[in-house]
Amino acid sequence: MNPASNNKISEDLVNSFNEEMTFELATRLEEENYATPFDGLQDWHLLRALAINRPELTTKYIHLLDQEPFDEN
């Protein structure tokens, strides 16, 4: 079950994460096996919130965030 399935990423949710939960989140993102694209997007936003607020949990999974600079022109 996706812990962020209520579509709200709260401080409590971010603080509740541990290494195992982060691994499960990253695994879901890597497998891209979602019922809808919005489910995947919600997990992506959750991983991004973790990277900002709990970077020690996401160092192995930062590649999933696609934070490379790009030129919009």
PDB file of N, CA and C in Angstrom:
ATOM      1  N   MET A   1       0.834  -1.187   0.000  1.00  0.00           N
ATOM      2  CA  MET A   1       0.000   0.000   0.000  1.00  0.00           C
ATOM      3  C   MET A   1       0.875   1.245   0.000  1.00  0.00           C
ATOM      4  N   ASN A   2       0.513   2.211  -0.768  1.00  0.00           N
ATOM      5  CA  ASN A   2       1.240   3.465  -0.896  1.00  0.00           C
ATOM      6  C   ASN A   2       0.905   4.370   0.287  1.00  0.00           C
ATOM      7  N   PRO A   3       1.907   4.729   1.123  1.00  0.00           N
ATOM      8  CA  PRO A   3       1.628   5.562   2.283  1.00  0.00           C
ATOM      9  C   PRO A   3       1.160   6.960   1.939  1.00  0.00           C
ATOM     10  N   ALA A   4       1.381   7.409   0.733  1.00  0.00           N
ATOM     11  CA  ALA A   4       0.950   8.753   0.336  1.00  0.00           C
ATOM     12  C   ALA A   4      -0.315   8.714  -0.499  1.00  0.00           C
ATOM     13  N   SER A   5      -1.067   7.631  -0.402  1.00  0.00           N
ATOM     14  CA  SER A   5      -2.224   7.468  -1.273  1.00  0.00           C
ATOM     15  C   SER A   5      -3.335   8.474  -1.005  1.00  0.00           C
ATOM     16  N   ASN A   6      -3.279   9.192   0.118  1.00  0.00           N
ATOM     17  CA  ASN A   6      -4.295  10.208   0.371  1.00  0.00           C
ATOM     18  C   ASN A   6      -3.951  11.531  -0.318  1.00  0.00           C
ATOM     19  N   ASN A   7      -2.902  11.542  -1.141  1.00  0.00           N
ATOM     20  CA  ASN A   7      -2.483  12.696  -1.941  1.00  0.00           C
ATOM     21  C   ASN A   7      -1.935  13.863  -1.128  1.00  0.00           C
ATOM     22  N   LYS A   8      -1.641  13.665   0.139  1.00  0.00           N
ATOM     23  CA  LYS A   8      -1.051  14.721   0.947  1.00  0.00           C
ATOM     24  C   LYS A   8       0.284  14.241   1.477  1.00  0.00           C
ATOM     25  N   ILE A   9       1.293  15.052   1.245  1.00  0.00           N
ATOM     26  CA  ILE A   9       2.620  14.731   1.758  1.00  0.00           C
ATOM     27  C   ILE A   9       2.864  15.673   2.931  1.00  0.00           C
ATOM     28  N   SER A  10       2.614  15.158   4.103  1.00  0.00           N
ATOM     29  CA  SER A  10       2.758  15.965   5.311  1.00  0.00           C
ATOM     30  C   SER A  10       4.144  15.786   5.915  1.00  0.00           C
ATOM     31  N   GLU A  11       4.463  16.685   6.811  1.00  0.00           N
ATOM     32  CA  GLU A  11       5.724  16.581   7.545  1.00  0.00           C
ATOM     33  C   GLU A  11       5.760  15.281   8.348  1.00  0.00           C
ATOM     34  N   ASP A  12       4.613  14.909   8.911  1.00  0.00           N
ATOM     35  CA  ASP A  12       4.544  13.656   9.673  1.00  0.00           C
ATOM     36  C   ASP A  12       4.831  12.450   8.788  1.00  0.00           C
ATOM     37  N   LEU A  13       4.288  12.461   7.570  1.00  0.00           N
ATOM     38  CA  LEU A  13       4.534  11.355   6.646  1.00  0.00           C
ATOM     39  C   LEU A  13       6.019  11.271   6.312  1.00  0.00           C
ATOM     40  N   VAL A  14       6.620  12.388   5.969  1.00  0.00           N
ATOM     41  CA  VAL A  14       8.046  12.410   5.625  1.00  0.00           C
ATOM     42  C   VAL A  14       8.881  11.941   6.817  1.00  0.00           C
ATOM     43  N   ASN A  15       8.550  12.402   7.997  1.00  0.00           N
ATOM     44  CA  ASN A  15       9.307  12.024   9.189  1.00  0.00           C
ATOM     45  C   ASN A  15       9.089  10.565   9.588  1.00  0.00           C
ATOM     46  N   SER A  16       8.010   9.963   9.137  1.00  0.00           N
ATOM     47  CA  SER A  16       7.735   8.568   9.487  1.00  0.00           C
ATOM     48  C   SER A  16       8.553   7.586   8.648  1.00  0.00           C
ATOM     49  N   PHE A  17       9.162   8.063   7.562  1.00  0.00           N
ATOM     50  CA  PHE A  17       9.882   7.166   6.661  1.00  0.00           C
ATOM     51  C   PHE A  17      11.186   6.682   7.273  1.00  0.00           C
ATOM     52  N   ASN A  18      11.499   5.421   6.955  1.00  0.00           N
ATOM     53  CA  ASN A  18      12.778   4.833   7.340  1.00  0.00           C
ATOM     54  C   ASN A  18      13.429   4.271   6.073  1.00  0.00           C
ATOM     55  N   GLU A  19      14.562   3.630   6.215  1.00  0.00           N
ATOM     56  CA  GLU A  19      15.285   3.119   5.042  1.00  0.00           C
ATOM     57  C   GLU A  19      14.473   2.080   4.274  1.00  0.00           C
ATOM     58  N   GLU A  20      13.787   1.201   4.975  1.00  0.00           N
ATOM     59  CA  GLU A  20      12.994   0.159   4.306  1.00  0.00           C
ATOM     60  C   GLU A  20      11.850   0.767   3.506  1.00  0.00           C
ATOM     61  N   MET A  21      11.161   1.728   4.084  1.00  0.00           N
ATOM     62  CA  MET A  21      10.055   2.380   3.377  1.00  0.00           C
ATOM     63  C   MET A  21      10.558   3.133   2.148  1.00  0.00           C
ATOM     64  N   THR A  22      11.710   3.777   2.287  1.00  0.00           N
ATOM     65  CA  THR A  22      12.288   4.509   1.163  1.00  0.00           C
ATOM     66  C   THR A  22      12.692   3.547   0.057  1.00  0.00           C
ATOM     67  N   PHE A  23      13.247   2.393   0.427  1.00  0.00           N
ATOM     68  CA  PHE A  23      13.603   1.374  -0.556  1.00  0.00           C
ATOM     69  C   PHE A  23      12.362   0.901  -1.312  1.00  0.00           C
ATOM     70  N   GLU A  24      11.266   0.658  -0.605  1.00  0.00           N
ATOM     71  CA  GLU A  24      10.022   0.223  -1.253  1.00  0.00           C
ATOM     72  C   GLU A  24       9.490   1.290  -2.207  1.00  0.00           C
ATOM     73  N   LEU A  25       9.568   2.541  -1.790  1.00  0.00           N
ATOM     74  CA  LEU A  25       9.141   3.654  -2.644  1.00  0.00           C
ATOM     75  C   LEU A  25       9.992   3.710  -3.910  1.00  0.00           C
ATOM     76  N   ALA A  26      11.298   3.627  -3.758  1.00  0.00           N
ATOM     77  CA  ALA A  26      12.205   3.673  -4.907  1.00  0.00           C
ATOM     78  C   ALA A  26      11.983   2.474  -5.826  1.00  0.00           C
ATOM     79  N   THR A  27      11.715   1.319  -5.254  1.00  0.00           N
ATOM     80  CA  THR A  27      11.459   0.125  -6.060  1.00  0.00           C
ATOM     81  C   THR A  27      10.211   0.319  -6.908  1.00  0.00           C
ATOM     82  N   ARG A  28       9.152   0.863  -6.314  1.00  0.00           N
ATOM     83  CA  ARG A  28       7.937   1.133  -7.087  1.00  0.00           C
ATOM     84  C   ARG A  28       8.237   2.084  -8.240  1.00  0.00           C
ATOM     85  N   LEU A  29       9.017   3.126  -7.968  1.00  0.00           N
ATOM     86  CA  LEU A  29       9.344   4.097  -9.017  1.00  0.00           C
ATOM     87  C   LEU A  29      10.185   3.464 -10.116  1.00  0.00           C
ATOM     88  N   GLU A  30      11.133   2.620  -9.752  1.00  0.00           N
ATOM     89  CA  GLU A  30      11.975   1.972 -10.760  1.00  0.00           C
ATOM     90  C   GLU A  30      11.178   0.994 -11.617  1.00  0.00           C
ATOM     91  N   GLU A  31      10.234   0.290 -11.008  1.00  0.00           N
ATOM     92  CA  GLU A  31       9.443  -0.700 -11.753  1.00  0.00           C
ATOM     93  C   GLU A  31       8.346  -0.056 -12.593  1.00  0.00           C
ATOM     94  N   GLU A  32       7.948   1.150 -12.239  1.00  0.00           N
ATOM     95  CA  GLU A  32       6.909   1.892 -12.973  1.00  0.00           C
ATOM     96  C   GLU A  32       5.671   1.048 -13.227  1.00  0.00           C
ATOM     97  N   ASN A  33       5.227   0.312 -12.231  1.00  0.00           N
ATOM     98  CA  ASN A  33       4.060  -0.548 -12.359  1.00  0.00           C
ATOM     99  C   ASN A  33       2.913   0.064 -11.553  1.00  0.00           C
ATOM    100  N   TYR A  34       2.306   1.097 -12.111  1.00  0.00           N
ATOM    101  CA  TYR A  34       1.235   1.825 -11.433  1.00  0.00           C
ATOM    102  C   TYR A  34      -0.075   1.666 -12.183  1.00  0.00           C
ATOM    103  N   ALA A  35      -1.161   1.714 -11.440  1.00  0.00           N
ATOM    104  CA  ALA A  35      -2.495   1.633 -12.047  1.00  0.00           C
ATOM    105  C   ALA A  35      -2.783   2.869 -12.893  1.00  0.00           C
ATOM    106  N   THR A  36      -2.310   4.030 -12.421  1.00  0.00           N
ATOM    107  CA  THR A  36      -2.501   5.271 -13.174  1.00  0.00           C
ATOM    108  C   THR A  36      -1.198   6.068 -13.138  1.00  0.00           C
ATOM    109  N   PRO A  37      -1.000   6.954 -14.092  1.00  0.00           N
ATOM    110  CA  PRO A  37       0.197   7.811 -14.064  1.00  0.00           C
ATOM    111  C   PRO A  37       0.235   8.692 -12.819  1.00  0.00           C
ATOM    112  N   PHE A  38      -0.927   9.028 -12.291  1.00  0.00           N
ATOM    113  CA  PHE A  38      -0.980   9.890 -11.114  1.00  0.00           C
ATOM    114  C   PHE A  38      -0.406   9.204  -9.879  1.00  0.00           C
ATOM    115  N   ASP A  39      -0.546   7.882  -9.789  1.00  0.00           N
ATOM    116  CA  ASP A  39       0.042   7.142  -8.675  1.00  0.00           C
ATOM    117  C   ASP A  39       1.564   7.247  -8.718  1.00  0.00           C
ATOM    118  N   GLY A  40       2.129   7.111  -9.891  1.00  0.00           N
ATOM    119  CA  GLY A  40       3.573   7.251 -10.047  1.00  0.00           C
ATOM    120  C   GLY A  40       4.033   8.657  -9.738  1.00  0.00           C
ATOM    121  N   LEU A  41       3.277   9.636 -10.171  1.00  0.00           N
ATOM    122  CA  LEU A  41       3.617  11.032  -9.906  1.00  0.00           C
ATOM    123  C   LEU A  41       3.579  11.322  -8.409  1.00  0.00           C
ATOM    124  N   GLN A  42       2.606  10.759  -7.710  1.00  0.00           N
ATOM    125  CA  GLN A  42       2.518  10.952  -6.263  1.00  0.00           C
ATOM    126  C   GLN A  42       3.753  10.374  -5.575  1.00  0.00           C
ATOM    127  N   ASP A  43       4.177   9.179  -5.991  1.00  0.00           N
ATOM    128  CA  ASP A  43       5.390   8.595  -5.416  1.00  0.00           C
ATOM    129  C   ASP A  43       6.611   9.451  -5.739  1.00  0.00           C
ATOM    130  N   TRP A  44       6.668   9.999  -6.947  1.00  0.00           N
ATOM    131  CA  TRP A  44       7.794  10.854  -7.324  1.00  0.00           C
ATOM    132  C   TRP A  44       7.846  12.080  -6.421  1.00  0.00           C
ATOM    133  N   HIS A  45       6.690  12.694  -6.172  1.00  0.00           N
ATOM    134  CA  HIS A  45       6.644  13.862  -5.295  1.00  0.00           C
ATOM    135  C   HIS A  45       7.042  13.493  -3.869  1.00  0.00           C
ATOM    136  N   LEU A  46       6.660  12.313  -3.433  1.00  0.00           N
ATOM    137  CA  LEU A  46       7.044  11.862  -2.098  1.00  0.00           C
ATOM    138  C   LEU A  46       8.560  11.664  -2.020  1.00  0.00           C
ATOM    139  N   LEU A  47       9.151  11.038  -3.025  1.00  0.00           N
ATOM    140  CA  LEU A  47      10.605  10.862  -3.028  1.00  0.00           C
ATOM    141  C   LEU A  47      11.302  12.220  -3.052  1.00  0.00           C
ATOM    142  N   ARG A  48      10.770  13.157  -3.798  1.00  0.00           N
ATOM    143  CA  ARG A  48      11.334  14.511  -3.855  1.00  0.00           C
ATOM    144  C   ARG A  48      11.254  15.177  -2.479  1.00  0.00           C
ATOM    145  N   ALA A  49      10.131  15.032  -1.792  1.00  0.00           N
ATOM    146  CA  ALA A  49       9.996  15.600  -0.447  1.00  0.00           C
ATOM    147  C   ALA A  49      11.001  14.958   0.512  1.00  0.00           C
ATOM    148  N   LEU A  50      11.194  13.663   0.365  1.00  0.00           N
ATOM    149  CA  LEU A  50      12.195  12.983   1.190  1.00  0.00           C
ATOM    150  C   LEU A  50      13.596  13.491   0.879  1.00  0.00           C
ATOM    151  N   ALA A  51      13.895  13.704  -0.391  1.00  0.00           N
ATOM    152  CA  ALA A  51      15.223  14.181  -0.788  1.00  0.00           C
ATOM    153  C   ALA A  51      15.498  15.569  -0.215  1.00  0.00           C
ATOM    154  N   ILE A  52      14.480  16.380  -0.117  1.00  0.00           N
ATOM    155  CA  ILE A  52      14.643  17.726   0.413  1.00  0.00           C
ATOM    156  C   ILE A  52      14.752  17.708   1.938  1.00  0.00           C
ATOM    157  N   ASN A  53      13.882  16.936   2.580  1.00  0.00           N
ATOM    158  CA  ASN A  53      13.786  16.967   4.035  1.00  0.00           C
ATOM    159  C   ASN A  53      14.542  15.877   4.772  1.00  0.00           C
ATOM    160  N   ARG A  54      14.801  14.769   4.092  1.00  0.00           N
ATOM    161  CA  ARG A  54      15.501  13.634   4.711  1.00  0.00           C
ATOM    162  C   ARG A  54      16.511  13.067   3.727  1.00  0.00           C
ATOM    163  N   PRO A  55      17.456  13.882   3.268  1.00  0.00           N
ATOM    164  CA  PRO A  55      18.369  13.450   2.201  1.00  0.00           C
ATOM    165  C   PRO A  55      19.174  12.200   2.542  1.00  0.00           C
ATOM    166  N   GLU A  56      19.370  11.927   3.816  1.00  0.00           N
ATOM    167  CA  GLU A  56      20.115  10.729   4.202  1.00  0.00           C
ATOM    168  C   GLU A  56      19.407   9.448   3.768  1.00  0.00           C
ATOM    169  N   LEU A  57      18.098   9.525   3.535  1.00  0.00           N
ATOM    170  CA  LEU A  57      17.338   8.344   3.108  1.00  0.00           C
ATOM    171  C   LEU A  57      17.351   8.150   1.591  1.00  0.00           C
ATOM    172  N   THR A  58      17.712   9.175   0.849  1.00  0.00           N
ATOM    173  CA  THR A  58      17.509   9.116  -0.604  1.00  0.00           C
ATOM    174  C   THR A  58      18.792   9.146  -1.427  1.00  0.00           C
ATOM    175  N   THR A  59      19.942   9.118  -0.808  1.00  0.00           N
ATOM    176  CA  THR A  59      21.186   9.246  -1.576  1.00  0.00           C
ATOM    177  C   THR A  59      21.332   8.156  -2.635  1.00  0.00           C
ATOM    178  N   LYS A  60      20.836   6.961  -2.377  1.00  0.00           N
ATOM    179  CA  LYS A  60      20.939   5.860  -3.344  1.00  0.00           C
ATOM    180  C   LYS A  60      19.926   5.990  -4.482  1.00  0.00           C
ATOM    181  N   TYR A  61      18.928   6.840  -4.320  1.00  0.00           N
ATOM    182  CA  TYR A  61      17.812   6.883  -5.275  1.00  0.00           C
ATOM    183  C   TYR A  61      17.659   8.235  -5.966  1.00  0.00           C
ATOM    184  N   ILE A  62      18.622   9.108  -5.797  1.00  0.00           N
ATOM    185  CA  ILE A  62      18.518  10.455  -6.342  1.00  0.00           C
ATOM    186  C   ILE A  62      18.382  10.438  -7.869  1.00  0.00           C
ATOM    187  N   HIS A  63      18.882   9.384  -8.509  1.00  0.00           N
ATOM    188  CA  HIS A  63      18.772   9.271  -9.970  1.00  0.00           C
ATOM    189  C   HIS A  63      17.320   9.196 -10.434  1.00  0.00           C
ATOM    190  N   LEU A  64      16.412   8.842  -9.554  1.00  0.00           N
ATOM    191  CA  LEU A  64      15.001   8.737  -9.919  1.00  0.00           C
ATOM    192  C   LEU A  64      14.307  10.095 -10.005  1.00  0.00           C
ATOM    193  N   LEU A  65      14.984  11.131  -9.566  1.00  0.00           N
ATOM    194  CA  LEU A  65      14.347  12.449  -9.533  1.00  0.00           C
ATOM    195  C   LEU A  65      14.608  13.293 -10.774  1.00  0.00           C
ATOM    196  N   ASP A  66      15.519  12.882 -11.633  1.00  0.00           N
ATOM    197  CA  ASP A  66      15.796  13.643 -12.859  1.00  0.00           C
ATOM    198  C   ASP A  66      15.992  15.121 -12.571  1.00  0.00           C
ATOM    199  N   GLN A  67      16.966  15.441 -11.758  1.00  0.00           N
ATOM    200  CA  GLN A  67      17.210  16.825 -11.395  1.00  0.00           C
ATOM    201  C   GLN A  67      18.277  17.479 -12.258  1.00  0.00           C
ATOM    202  N   GLU A  68      18.491  16.967 -13.432  1.00  0.00           N
ATOM    203  CA  GLU A  68      19.478  17.561 -14.314  1.00  0.00           C
ATOM    204  C   GLU A  68      18.956  18.859 -14.903  1.00  0.00           C
ATOM    205  N   PRO A  69      19.819  19.861 -15.035  1.00  0.00           N
ATOM    206  CA  PRO A  69      19.365  21.111 -15.643  1.00  0.00           C
ATOM    207  C   PRO A  69      19.035  20.900 -17.115  1.00  0.00           C
ATOM    208  N   PHE A  70      18.104  21.678 -17.620  1.00  0.00           N
ATOM    209  CA  PHE A  70      17.746  21.567 -19.029  1.00  0.00           C
ATOM    210  C   PHE A  70      17.466  22.950 -19.598  1.00  0.00           C
ATOM    211  N   ASP A  71      17.550  23.048 -20.887  1.00  0.00           N
ATOM    212  CA  ASP A  71      17.316  24.303 -21.586  1.00  0.00           C
ATOM    213  C   ASP A  71      15.943  24.256 -22.212  1.00  0.00           C
ATOM    214  N   GLU A  72      15.081  25.188 -21.830  1.00  0.00           N
ATOM    215  CA  GLU A  72      13.716  25.210 -22.363  1.00  0.00           C
ATOM    216  C   GLU A  72      13.622  25.909 -23.704  1.00  0.00           C
ATOM    217  N   ASN A  73      14.682  26.532 -24.176  1.00  0.00           N
ATOM    218  CA  ASN A  73      14.646  27.267 -25.440  1.00  0.00           C
ATOM    219  C   ASN A  73      14.777  26.385 -26.628  1.00  0.00           C
TER     220      ASN A  73
END
